[in-house]
Amino acid sequence: MPVLLVLTVVAGIGLILFQPWKAFTDTTVDEALPSASAPATNGGPAMQGEARVNGGEPSAQNTGPKDLATGRFVTHEHDTSGTARVVRLADGGRVLRFEDLKTSEGPDVRVYLSTRDDDAAKEGLGDGALELGKLKGNLGNQNYTVPAGTDLSRFHSAVIWCERFSVSFGAADLARIKS
């Protein structure tokens, strides 16, 4: 009897940690790119190459959504594909947007901006990585708010990272778009 009890407890802990059913499930998210109706009074620091006037507001020619950086996902521990974009919104806010994302589900999967490039992020996020939240779904289109005041020039890639097992599912280098 004690052996059966120990095996039951170990199996329960294994189920909680590994969540094996996620290997057979998918969560699809289809969010539109956020829009805003009025320009913000403080658009935060400009990304390198981003036109600013009057102490920080986007210039009139840049009041609509604008791609600041973009990249394609590469596979690390799980097959991952799709596009990552950093987009400045009309109100000056910024989002990290995943489009056509395809990856695996997993326990405690998060979205990060990393100071490392996509290849180096396979070994770890690097000092100063910025968590943007839990992965909303393993398939589809989704947005993650970049906190105001974030210096995007410090970050080189977007990473889908499993906290529980400290592994990268995949990453995308964020190549700056020239104005």
N, C-alpha and C. Protein backbone atom coordinates (compact mmCIF):
# COMPACT_ATOMS: atom_id res chain seq x y z
N MET A 1 0.80 -1.21 0.00
CA MET A 1 0.00 0.00 0.00
C MET A 1 0.85 1.27 0.00
N PRO A 2 1.90 1.39 0.84
CA PRO A 2 2.70 2.61 0.84
C PRO A 2 3.33 2.89 -0.53
N VAL A 3 3.74 1.83 -1.24
CA VAL A 3 4.34 2.02 -2.56
C VAL A 3 3.31 2.61 -3.53
N LEU A 4 2.09 2.13 -3.49
CA LEU A 4 1.02 2.65 -4.35
C LEU A 4 0.73 4.12 -4.03
N LEU A 5 0.74 4.47 -2.77
CA LEU A 5 0.51 5.86 -2.36
C LEU A 5 1.64 6.76 -2.89
N VAL A 6 2.88 6.33 -2.75
CA VAL A 6 4.03 7.11 -3.23
C VAL A 6 3.94 7.26 -4.75
N LEU A 7 3.63 6.19 -5.47
CA LEU A 7 3.50 6.27 -6.94
C LEU A 7 2.38 7.22 -7.35
N THR A 8 1.29 7.22 -6.63
CA THR A 8 0.17 8.12 -6.94
C THR A 8 0.58 9.57 -6.73
N VAL A 9 1.27 9.85 -5.64
CA VAL A 9 1.73 11.22 -5.36
C VAL A 9 2.73 11.66 -6.42
N VAL A 10 3.68 10.81 -6.78
CA VAL A 10 4.68 11.14 -7.80
C VAL A 10 4.00 11.38 -9.14
N ALA A 11 3.04 10.54 -9.50
CA ALA A 11 2.32 10.73 -10.76
C ALA A 11 1.55 12.05 -10.76
N GLY A 12 0.93 12.39 -9.65
CA GLY A 12 0.20 13.66 -9.55
C GLY A 12 1.11 14.85 -9.71
N ILE A 13 2.27 14.80 -9.05
CA ILE A 13 3.24 15.90 -9.18
C ILE A 13 3.74 15.99 -10.62
N GLY A 14 3.99 14.85 -11.25
CA GLY A 14 4.43 14.83 -12.64
C GLY A 14 3.40 15.45 -13.56
N LEU A 15 2.13 15.16 -13.35
CA LEU A 15 1.07 15.74 -14.16
C LEU A 15 1.00 17.26 -13.99
N ILE A 16 1.14 17.71 -12.76
CA ILE A 16 1.10 19.15 -12.50
C ILE A 16 2.27 19.86 -13.16
N LEU A 17 3.47 19.31 -13.03
CA LEU A 17 4.66 19.95 -13.58
C LEU A 17 4.71 19.92 -15.11
N PHE A 18 4.46 18.76 -15.68
CA PHE A 18 4.66 18.59 -17.12
C PHE A 18 3.44 18.91 -17.96
N GLN A 19 2.25 18.85 -17.38
CA GLN A 19 1.00 19.11 -18.10
C GLN A 19 1.02 18.45 -19.49
N PRO A 20 1.15 17.13 -19.54
CA PRO A 20 1.33 16.44 -20.81
C PRO A 20 0.17 16.60 -21.79
N TRP A 21 -1.02 16.90 -21.31
CA TRP A 21 -2.15 17.08 -22.21
C TRP A 21 -1.94 18.25 -23.16
N LYS A 22 -1.07 19.20 -22.80
CA LYS A 22 -0.82 20.35 -23.66
C LYS A 22 -0.12 19.96 -24.95
N ALA A 23 0.47 18.77 -25.00
CA ALA A 23 1.09 18.29 -26.24
C ALA A 23 0.01 17.97 -27.28
N PHE A 24 -1.23 17.88 -26.84
CA PHE A 24 -2.32 17.48 -27.74
C PHE A 24 -3.38 18.57 -27.90
N THR A 25 -3.13 19.76 -27.36
CA THR A 25 -4.11 20.84 -27.44
C THR A 25 -3.51 22.06 -28.12
N ASP A 26 -4.36 22.93 -28.62
CA ASP A 26 -3.96 24.19 -29.22
C ASP A 26 -4.89 25.29 -28.70
N THR A 27 -4.34 26.49 -28.57
CA THR A 27 -5.14 27.66 -28.24
C THR A 27 -4.87 28.69 -29.32
N THR A 28 -5.93 29.05 -30.06
CA THR A 28 -5.81 30.01 -31.15
C THR A 28 -6.29 31.38 -30.66
N VAL A 29 -5.50 32.41 -30.96
CA VAL A 29 -5.82 33.79 -30.63
C VAL A 29 -5.80 34.57 -31.93
N ASP A 30 -6.81 35.43 -32.13
CA ASP A 30 -6.85 36.24 -33.35
C ASP A 30 -7.19 37.68 -32.98
N GLU A 31 -6.21 38.39 -32.42
CA GLU A 31 -6.39 39.78 -32.02
C GLU A 31 -6.04 40.69 -33.19
N ALA A 32 -6.82 41.76 -33.33
CA ALA A 32 -6.51 42.80 -34.31
C ALA A 32 -5.42 43.69 -33.74
N LEU A 33 -4.70 44.38 -34.61
CA LEU A 33 -3.74 45.37 -34.15
C LEU A 33 -4.51 46.47 -33.43
N PRO A 34 -4.12 46.82 -32.20
CA PRO A 34 -4.86 47.87 -31.48
C PRO A 34 -4.83 49.18 -32.25
N SER A 35 -5.89 49.96 -32.09
CA SER A 35 -5.92 51.28 -32.71
C SER A 35 -6.27 52.29 -31.63
N ALA A 36 -5.95 53.54 -31.89
CA ALA A 36 -6.25 54.61 -30.95
C ALA A 36 -6.74 55.80 -31.74
N SER A 37 -7.55 56.64 -31.11
CA SER A 37 -8.17 57.73 -31.84
C SER A 37 -7.42 59.05 -31.75
N ALA A 38 -6.64 59.27 -30.67
CA ALA A 38 -5.97 60.56 -30.51
C ALA A 38 -4.50 60.36 -30.19
N PRO A 39 -3.65 61.25 -30.69
CA PRO A 39 -2.23 61.15 -30.36
C PRO A 39 -2.02 61.38 -28.87
N ALA A 40 -1.05 60.69 -28.32
CA ALA A 40 -0.71 60.85 -26.91
C ALA A 40 0.10 62.11 -26.71
N THR A 41 0.10 62.61 -25.47
CA THR A 41 0.90 63.80 -25.17
C THR A 41 2.34 63.43 -24.89
N ASN A 42 2.59 62.18 -24.52
CA ASN A 42 3.96 61.74 -24.30
C ASN A 42 4.13 60.37 -24.90
N GLY A 43 4.76 60.30 -26.07
CA GLY A 43 4.92 59.04 -26.78
C GLY A 43 6.06 58.19 -26.28
N GLY A 44 6.75 58.60 -25.23
CA GLY A 44 7.86 57.81 -24.72
C GLY A 44 9.09 58.03 -25.58
N PRO A 45 10.18 57.38 -25.22
CA PRO A 45 11.42 57.57 -25.96
C PRO A 45 11.31 56.99 -27.36
N ALA A 46 11.94 57.66 -28.28
CA ALA A 46 11.91 57.21 -29.67
C ALA A 46 12.83 56.02 -29.84
N MET A 47 12.42 55.12 -30.74
CA MET A 47 13.32 54.05 -31.14
C MET A 47 14.26 54.65 -32.17
N GLN A 48 15.46 54.14 -32.24
CA GLN A 48 16.43 54.68 -33.17
C GLN A 48 15.81 54.77 -34.56
N GLY A 49 15.88 55.95 -35.17
CA GLY A 49 15.34 56.15 -36.51
C GLY A 49 13.91 56.63 -36.52
N GLU A 50 13.26 56.76 -35.36
CA GLU A 50 11.86 57.18 -35.30
C GLU A 50 11.80 58.71 -35.22
N ALA A 51 11.07 59.33 -36.16
CA ALA A 51 10.99 60.79 -36.20
C ALA A 51 10.16 61.31 -35.04
N ARG A 52 10.69 62.31 -34.32
CA ARG A 52 9.99 62.93 -33.20
C ARG A 52 10.12 64.45 -33.32
N VAL A 53 9.08 65.14 -32.87
CA VAL A 53 9.11 66.60 -32.80
C VAL A 53 8.56 67.03 -31.46
N ASN A 54 8.74 68.28 -31.09
CA ASN A 54 8.17 68.85 -29.86
C ASN A 54 8.46 68.01 -28.63
N GLY A 55 9.68 67.56 -28.46
CA GLY A 55 10.05 66.88 -27.22
C GLY A 55 9.47 65.50 -27.05
N GLY A 56 9.19 64.78 -28.10
CA GLY A 56 8.81 63.39 -27.90
C GLY A 56 7.59 62.92 -28.62
N GLU A 57 6.75 63.80 -29.17
CA GLU A 57 5.56 63.32 -29.87
C GLU A 57 5.92 62.92 -31.29
N PRO A 58 5.24 61.89 -31.84
CA PRO A 58 5.51 61.51 -33.22
C PRO A 58 5.18 62.67 -34.15
N SER A 59 5.97 62.82 -35.22
CA SER A 59 5.67 63.87 -36.17
C SER A 59 4.38 63.55 -36.91
N ALA A 60 3.78 64.55 -37.57
CA ALA A 60 2.49 64.38 -38.23
C ALA A 60 2.51 63.26 -39.24
N GLN A 61 3.64 63.04 -39.91
CA GLN A 61 3.69 61.99 -40.92
C GLN A 61 3.71 60.60 -40.30
N ASN A 62 3.90 60.49 -38.98
CA ASN A 62 4.01 59.19 -38.32
C ASN A 62 2.88 58.96 -37.32
N THR A 63 1.67 59.47 -37.55
CA THR A 63 0.61 59.35 -36.56
C THR A 63 -0.17 58.05 -36.65
N GLY A 64 -0.03 57.29 -37.71
CA GLY A 64 -0.70 56.00 -37.81
C GLY A 64 0.20 54.90 -37.27
N PRO A 65 -0.31 53.66 -37.19
CA PRO A 65 0.55 52.56 -36.76
C PRO A 65 1.77 52.46 -37.68
N LYS A 66 2.92 52.22 -37.06
CA LYS A 66 4.15 52.14 -37.84
C LYS A 66 5.03 51.02 -37.30
N ASP A 67 5.51 50.17 -38.19
CA ASP A 67 6.45 49.12 -37.79
C ASP A 67 7.78 49.76 -37.42
N LEU A 68 8.29 49.40 -36.25
CA LEU A 68 9.59 49.87 -35.80
C LEU A 68 10.65 48.80 -36.00
N ALA A 69 10.24 47.52 -35.88
CA ALA A 69 11.16 46.39 -36.05
C ALA A 69 10.34 45.17 -36.42
N THR A 70 10.97 44.24 -37.11
CA THR A 70 10.27 43.03 -37.50
C THR A 70 11.25 41.87 -37.64
N GLY A 71 10.76 40.66 -37.50
CA GLY A 71 11.60 39.48 -37.66
C GLY A 71 10.78 38.21 -37.75
N ARG A 72 11.40 37.15 -38.25
CA ARG A 72 10.75 35.84 -38.37
C ARG A 72 11.24 34.93 -37.24
N PHE A 73 10.32 34.14 -36.71
CA PHE A 73 10.68 33.21 -35.65
C PHE A 73 11.54 32.07 -36.20
N VAL A 74 12.48 31.64 -35.37
CA VAL A 74 13.26 30.43 -35.62
C VAL A 74 12.95 29.45 -34.49
N THR A 75 13.07 28.19 -34.80
CA THR A 75 12.78 27.12 -33.84
C THR A 75 13.94 26.91 -32.89
N HIS A 76 13.59 26.73 -31.60
CA HIS A 76 14.58 26.31 -30.61
C HIS A 76 14.17 24.93 -30.10
N GLU A 77 13.50 24.85 -28.94
CA GLU A 77 13.13 23.55 -28.37
C GLU A 77 11.83 22.98 -28.95
N HIS A 78 11.00 23.83 -29.54
CA HIS A 78 9.74 23.39 -30.15
C HIS A 78 9.60 24.09 -31.50
N ASP A 79 9.01 23.39 -32.47
CA ASP A 79 8.79 24.01 -33.77
C ASP A 79 8.04 25.32 -33.59
N THR A 80 8.62 26.40 -34.08
CA THR A 80 8.03 27.73 -33.94
C THR A 80 8.20 28.48 -35.24
N SER A 81 7.11 29.13 -35.70
CA SER A 81 7.18 29.95 -36.91
C SER A 81 6.22 31.12 -36.76
N GLY A 82 6.37 32.09 -37.66
CA GLY A 82 5.53 33.27 -37.64
C GLY A 82 6.41 34.52 -37.64
N THR A 83 5.77 35.65 -37.48
CA THR A 83 6.45 36.94 -37.52
C THR A 83 6.25 37.68 -36.21
N ALA A 84 7.30 38.37 -35.76
CA ALA A 84 7.21 39.28 -34.62
C ALA A 84 7.41 40.69 -35.16
N ARG A 85 6.57 41.61 -34.71
CA ARG A 85 6.68 43.02 -35.12
C ARG A 85 6.59 43.89 -33.88
N VAL A 86 7.41 44.93 -33.82
CA VAL A 86 7.23 45.97 -32.83
C VAL A 86 6.55 47.11 -33.57
N VAL A 87 5.37 47.52 -33.09
CA VAL A 87 4.56 48.51 -33.79
C VAL A 87 4.30 49.69 -32.87
N ARG A 88 4.55 50.91 -33.39
CA ARG A 88 4.16 52.12 -32.67
C ARG A 88 2.75 52.46 -33.12
N LEU A 89 1.85 52.59 -32.17
CA LEU A 89 0.46 52.88 -32.45
C LEU A 89 0.24 54.38 -32.63
N ALA A 90 -0.91 54.76 -33.14
CA ALA A 90 -1.23 56.17 -33.38
C ALA A 90 -1.15 57.00 -32.10
N ASP A 91 -1.45 56.40 -30.94
CA ASP A 91 -1.40 57.16 -29.68
C ASP A 91 0.00 57.20 -29.06
N GLY A 92 0.99 56.64 -29.74
CA GLY A 92 2.35 56.63 -29.25
C GLY A 92 2.72 55.38 -28.47
N GLY A 93 1.73 54.58 -28.08
CA GLY A 93 2.01 53.32 -27.40
C GLY A 93 2.68 52.34 -28.35
N ARG A 94 3.30 51.32 -27.78
CA ARG A 94 3.97 50.32 -28.60
C ARG A 94 3.55 48.93 -28.18
N VAL A 95 3.46 48.05 -29.16
CA VAL A 95 3.13 46.66 -28.90
C VAL A 95 4.10 45.75 -29.63
N LEU A 96 4.32 44.60 -29.03
CA LEU A 96 4.98 43.49 -29.72
C LEU A 96 3.84 42.65 -30.26
N ARG A 97 3.83 42.45 -31.57
CA ARG A 97 2.74 41.72 -32.22
C ARG A 97 3.29 40.45 -32.85
N PHE A 98 2.63 39.33 -32.58
CA PHE A 98 2.94 38.07 -33.25
C PHE A 98 1.88 37.84 -34.30
N GLU A 99 2.31 37.51 -35.51
CA GLU A 99 1.38 37.20 -36.60
C GLU A 99 1.68 35.82 -37.15
N ASP A 100 0.60 35.08 -37.41
CA ASP A 100 0.71 33.71 -37.94
C ASP A 100 1.60 32.83 -37.06
N LEU A 101 1.55 33.06 -35.75
CA LEU A 101 2.37 32.29 -34.82
C LEU A 101 1.92 30.84 -34.83
N LYS A 102 2.90 29.95 -34.85
CA LYS A 102 2.65 28.52 -34.69
C LYS A 102 3.77 28.00 -33.79
N THR A 103 3.39 27.50 -32.62
CA THR A 103 4.35 26.89 -31.70
C THR A 103 3.60 25.86 -30.88
N SER A 104 4.25 25.29 -29.90
CA SER A 104 3.61 24.30 -29.02
C SER A 104 3.03 24.98 -27.81
N GLU A 105 2.04 24.33 -27.22
CA GLU A 105 1.57 24.77 -25.91
C GLU A 105 2.55 24.21 -24.89
N GLY A 106 2.54 24.79 -23.72
CA GLY A 106 3.40 24.31 -22.66
C GLY A 106 3.01 24.95 -21.35
N PRO A 107 3.57 24.44 -20.26
CA PRO A 107 3.26 25.02 -18.96
C PRO A 107 4.05 26.31 -18.74
N ASP A 108 3.37 27.36 -18.33
CA ASP A 108 4.00 28.60 -17.92
C ASP A 108 4.89 29.20 -19.01
N VAL A 109 4.32 29.39 -20.21
CA VAL A 109 5.05 29.95 -21.34
C VAL A 109 4.85 31.46 -21.35
N ARG A 110 5.94 32.21 -21.48
CA ARG A 110 5.92 33.67 -21.40
C ARG A 110 6.51 34.29 -22.66
N VAL A 111 6.24 35.59 -22.83
CA VAL A 111 6.77 36.37 -23.93
C VAL A 111 7.77 37.37 -23.37
N TYR A 112 8.96 37.41 -23.97
CA TYR A 112 10.03 38.30 -23.51
C TYR A 112 10.61 39.08 -24.67
N LEU A 113 11.13 40.25 -24.36
CA LEU A 113 12.08 40.95 -25.21
C LEU A 113 13.44 40.64 -24.60
N SER A 114 14.38 40.19 -25.43
CA SER A 114 15.69 39.78 -24.94
C SER A 114 16.78 40.70 -25.47
N THR A 115 17.81 40.86 -24.66
CA THR A 115 18.97 41.64 -25.06
C THR A 115 19.88 40.83 -25.97
N ARG A 116 19.58 39.55 -26.15
CA ARG A 116 20.37 38.67 -27.01
C ARG A 116 19.70 38.51 -28.37
N ASP A 117 20.48 38.08 -29.38
CA ASP A 117 19.87 37.79 -30.68
C ASP A 117 19.17 36.43 -30.60
N ASP A 118 18.46 36.07 -31.68
CA ASP A 118 17.64 34.86 -31.62
C ASP A 118 18.45 33.59 -31.36
N ASP A 119 19.65 33.47 -31.92
CA ASP A 119 20.46 32.27 -31.70
C ASP A 119 20.92 32.18 -30.24
N ALA A 120 21.41 33.28 -29.69
CA ALA A 120 21.91 33.28 -28.31
C ALA A 120 20.78 33.10 -27.30
N ALA A 121 19.56 33.51 -27.64
CA ALA A 121 18.43 33.37 -26.72
C ALA A 121 18.10 31.91 -26.46
N LYS A 122 18.56 31.01 -27.30
CA LYS A 122 18.34 29.58 -27.07
C LYS A 122 19.01 29.15 -25.77
N GLU A 123 20.11 29.80 -25.41
CA GLU A 123 20.85 29.47 -24.19
C GLU A 123 20.37 30.24 -22.97
N GLY A 124 19.55 31.25 -23.16
CA GLY A 124 19.05 32.03 -22.05
C GLY A 124 18.65 33.42 -22.51
N LEU A 125 17.86 34.10 -21.70
CA LEU A 125 17.30 35.39 -22.10
C LEU A 125 18.31 36.53 -22.02
N GLY A 126 19.33 36.41 -21.20
CA GLY A 126 20.32 37.47 -21.05
C GLY A 126 19.90 38.47 -19.98
N ASP A 127 20.87 39.22 -19.51
CA ASP A 127 20.62 40.24 -18.49
C ASP A 127 19.70 41.32 -19.05
N GLY A 128 18.74 41.75 -18.24
CA GLY A 128 17.87 42.85 -18.64
C GLY A 128 16.71 42.46 -19.53
N ALA A 129 16.43 41.16 -19.68
CA ALA A 129 15.27 40.74 -20.48
C ALA A 129 14.00 41.31 -19.86
N LEU A 130 13.03 41.60 -20.70
CA LEU A 130 11.78 42.22 -20.26
C LEU A 130 10.61 41.29 -20.54
N GLU A 131 9.92 40.84 -19.48
CA GLU A 131 8.74 39.99 -19.66
C GLU A 131 7.54 40.86 -20.02
N LEU A 132 6.82 40.44 -21.07
CA LEU A 132 5.62 41.17 -21.51
C LEU A 132 4.33 40.45 -21.12
N GLY A 133 4.42 39.24 -20.61
CA GLY A 133 3.23 38.53 -20.16
C GLY A 133 3.24 37.07 -20.57
N LYS A 134 2.18 36.38 -20.16
CA LYS A 134 2.02 34.97 -20.54
C LYS A 134 1.62 34.88 -22.01
N LEU A 135 2.09 33.84 -22.68
CA LEU A 135 1.70 33.60 -24.06
C LEU A 135 0.19 33.35 -24.08
N LYS A 136 -0.52 34.12 -24.90
CA LYS A 136 -1.99 34.05 -24.93
C LYS A 136 -2.49 32.80 -25.63
N GLY A 137 -1.75 32.34 -26.61
CA GLY A 137 -2.13 31.15 -27.36
C GLY A 137 -0.95 30.71 -28.21
N ASN A 138 -0.94 29.44 -28.58
CA ASN A 138 0.19 28.95 -29.36
C ASN A 138 -0.03 29.09 -30.87
N LEU A 139 -1.19 29.57 -31.27
CA LEU A 139 -1.49 29.79 -32.68
C LEU A 139 -2.14 31.15 -32.87
N GLY A 140 -1.83 31.81 -34.00
CA GLY A 140 -2.58 33.00 -34.37
C GLY A 140 -1.84 34.31 -34.26
N ASN A 141 -2.64 35.37 -34.04
CA ASN A 141 -2.17 36.75 -34.01
C ASN A 141 -2.46 37.33 -32.63
N GLN A 142 -1.46 37.95 -32.01
CA GLN A 142 -1.64 38.45 -30.66
C GLN A 142 -0.72 39.63 -30.39
N ASN A 143 -1.13 40.46 -29.43
CA ASN A 143 -0.43 41.70 -29.10
C ASN A 143 -0.02 41.69 -27.63
N TYR A 144 1.18 42.25 -27.38
CA TYR A 144 1.70 42.39 -26.02
C TYR A 144 2.18 43.82 -25.86
N THR A 145 1.64 44.51 -24.87
CA THR A 145 1.97 45.91 -24.64
C THR A 145 3.42 46.05 -24.16
N VAL A 146 4.14 46.95 -24.80
CA VAL A 146 5.49 47.29 -24.36
C VAL A 146 5.34 48.46 -23.38
N PRO A 147 5.83 48.33 -22.16
CA PRO A 147 5.65 49.40 -21.18
C PRO A 147 6.20 50.74 -21.66
N ALA A 148 5.48 51.81 -21.34
CA ALA A 148 5.94 53.15 -21.68
C ALA A 148 7.31 53.38 -21.08
N GLY A 149 8.14 54.08 -21.81
CA GLY A 149 9.48 54.40 -21.33
C GLY A 149 10.52 53.33 -21.62
N THR A 150 10.11 52.20 -22.20
CA THR A 150 11.06 51.13 -22.51
C THR A 150 11.98 51.57 -23.65
N ASP A 151 13.27 51.44 -23.44
CA ASP A 151 14.26 51.76 -24.47
C ASP A 151 14.41 50.53 -25.37
N LEU A 152 13.69 50.54 -26.47
CA LEU A 152 13.68 49.38 -27.36
C LEU A 152 15.02 49.11 -28.02
N SER A 153 15.90 50.09 -28.07
CA SER A 153 17.20 49.88 -28.70
C SER A 153 18.05 48.86 -27.92
N ARG A 154 17.70 48.57 -26.67
CA ARG A 154 18.42 47.58 -25.86
C ARG A 154 18.09 46.15 -26.23
N PHE A 155 16.96 45.94 -26.89
CA PHE A 155 16.46 44.58 -27.13
C PHE A 155 16.69 44.16 -28.57
N HIS A 156 17.08 42.89 -28.73
CA HIS A 156 17.44 42.38 -30.05
C HIS A 156 16.51 41.28 -30.56
N SER A 157 15.72 40.68 -29.66
CA SER A 157 14.84 39.60 -30.12
C SER A 157 13.60 39.48 -29.24
N ALA A 158 12.57 38.86 -29.82
CA ALA A 158 11.37 38.47 -29.09
C ALA A 158 11.49 36.97 -28.86
N VAL A 159 11.20 36.52 -27.64
CA VAL A 159 11.42 35.12 -27.28
C VAL A 159 10.17 34.55 -26.64
N ILE A 160 9.82 33.34 -27.05
CA ILE A 160 8.76 32.56 -26.39
C ILE A 160 9.49 31.60 -25.46
N TRP A 161 9.31 31.80 -24.16
CA TRP A 161 10.14 31.16 -23.13
C TRP A 161 9.28 30.39 -22.14
N CYS A 162 9.64 29.14 -21.87
CA CYS A 162 8.96 28.34 -20.85
C CYS A 162 9.67 28.55 -19.52
N GLU A 163 8.99 29.23 -18.60
CA GLU A 163 9.57 29.50 -17.27
C GLU A 163 9.82 28.20 -16.50
N ARG A 164 8.88 27.28 -16.59
CA ARG A 164 8.98 26.07 -15.78
C ARG A 164 10.24 25.29 -16.08
N PHE A 165 10.63 25.20 -17.35
CA PHE A 165 11.79 24.39 -17.73
C PHE A 165 12.97 25.21 -18.24
N SER A 166 12.85 26.53 -18.18
CA SER A 166 13.92 27.44 -18.61
C SER A 166 14.44 27.10 -20.01
N VAL A 167 13.50 27.03 -20.96
CA VAL A 167 13.87 26.77 -22.35
C VAL A 167 13.13 27.73 -23.27
N SER A 168 13.79 28.05 -24.37
CA SER A 168 13.17 28.86 -25.40
C SER A 168 12.47 27.96 -26.39
N PHE A 169 11.19 28.24 -26.65
CA PHE A 169 10.48 27.51 -27.70
C PHE A 169 10.95 28.01 -29.05
N GLY A 170 11.15 29.34 -29.17
CA GLY A 170 11.62 29.96 -30.40
C GLY A 170 11.84 31.43 -30.17
N ALA A 171 12.51 32.08 -31.12
CA ALA A 171 12.82 33.50 -30.99
C ALA A 171 12.87 34.14 -32.38
N ALA A 172 12.69 35.47 -32.39
CA ALA A 172 12.75 36.23 -33.64
C ALA A 172 13.65 37.44 -33.44
N ASP A 173 14.68 37.57 -34.27
CA ASP A 173 15.49 38.79 -34.25
C ASP A 173 14.59 39.95 -34.66
N LEU A 174 14.77 41.08 -34.02
CA LEU A 174 13.97 42.28 -34.32
C LEU A 174 14.84 43.29 -35.07
N ALA A 175 14.78 43.21 -36.39
CA ALA A 175 15.55 44.11 -37.24
C ALA A 175 14.85 45.46 -37.30
N ARG A 176 15.57 46.52 -36.97
CA ARG A 176 15.02 47.87 -36.99
C ARG A 176 14.69 48.26 -38.43
N ILE A 177 13.56 48.94 -38.59
CA ILE A 177 13.14 49.41 -39.91
C ILE A 177 13.57 50.86 -40.06
N LYS A 178 14.27 51.13 -41.13
CA LYS A 178 14.76 52.48 -41.40
C LYS A 178 13.59 53.36 -41.83
N SER A 179 13.60 54.61 -41.39
CA SER A 179 12.54 55.56 -41.76
C SER A 179 12.75 56.07 -43.16
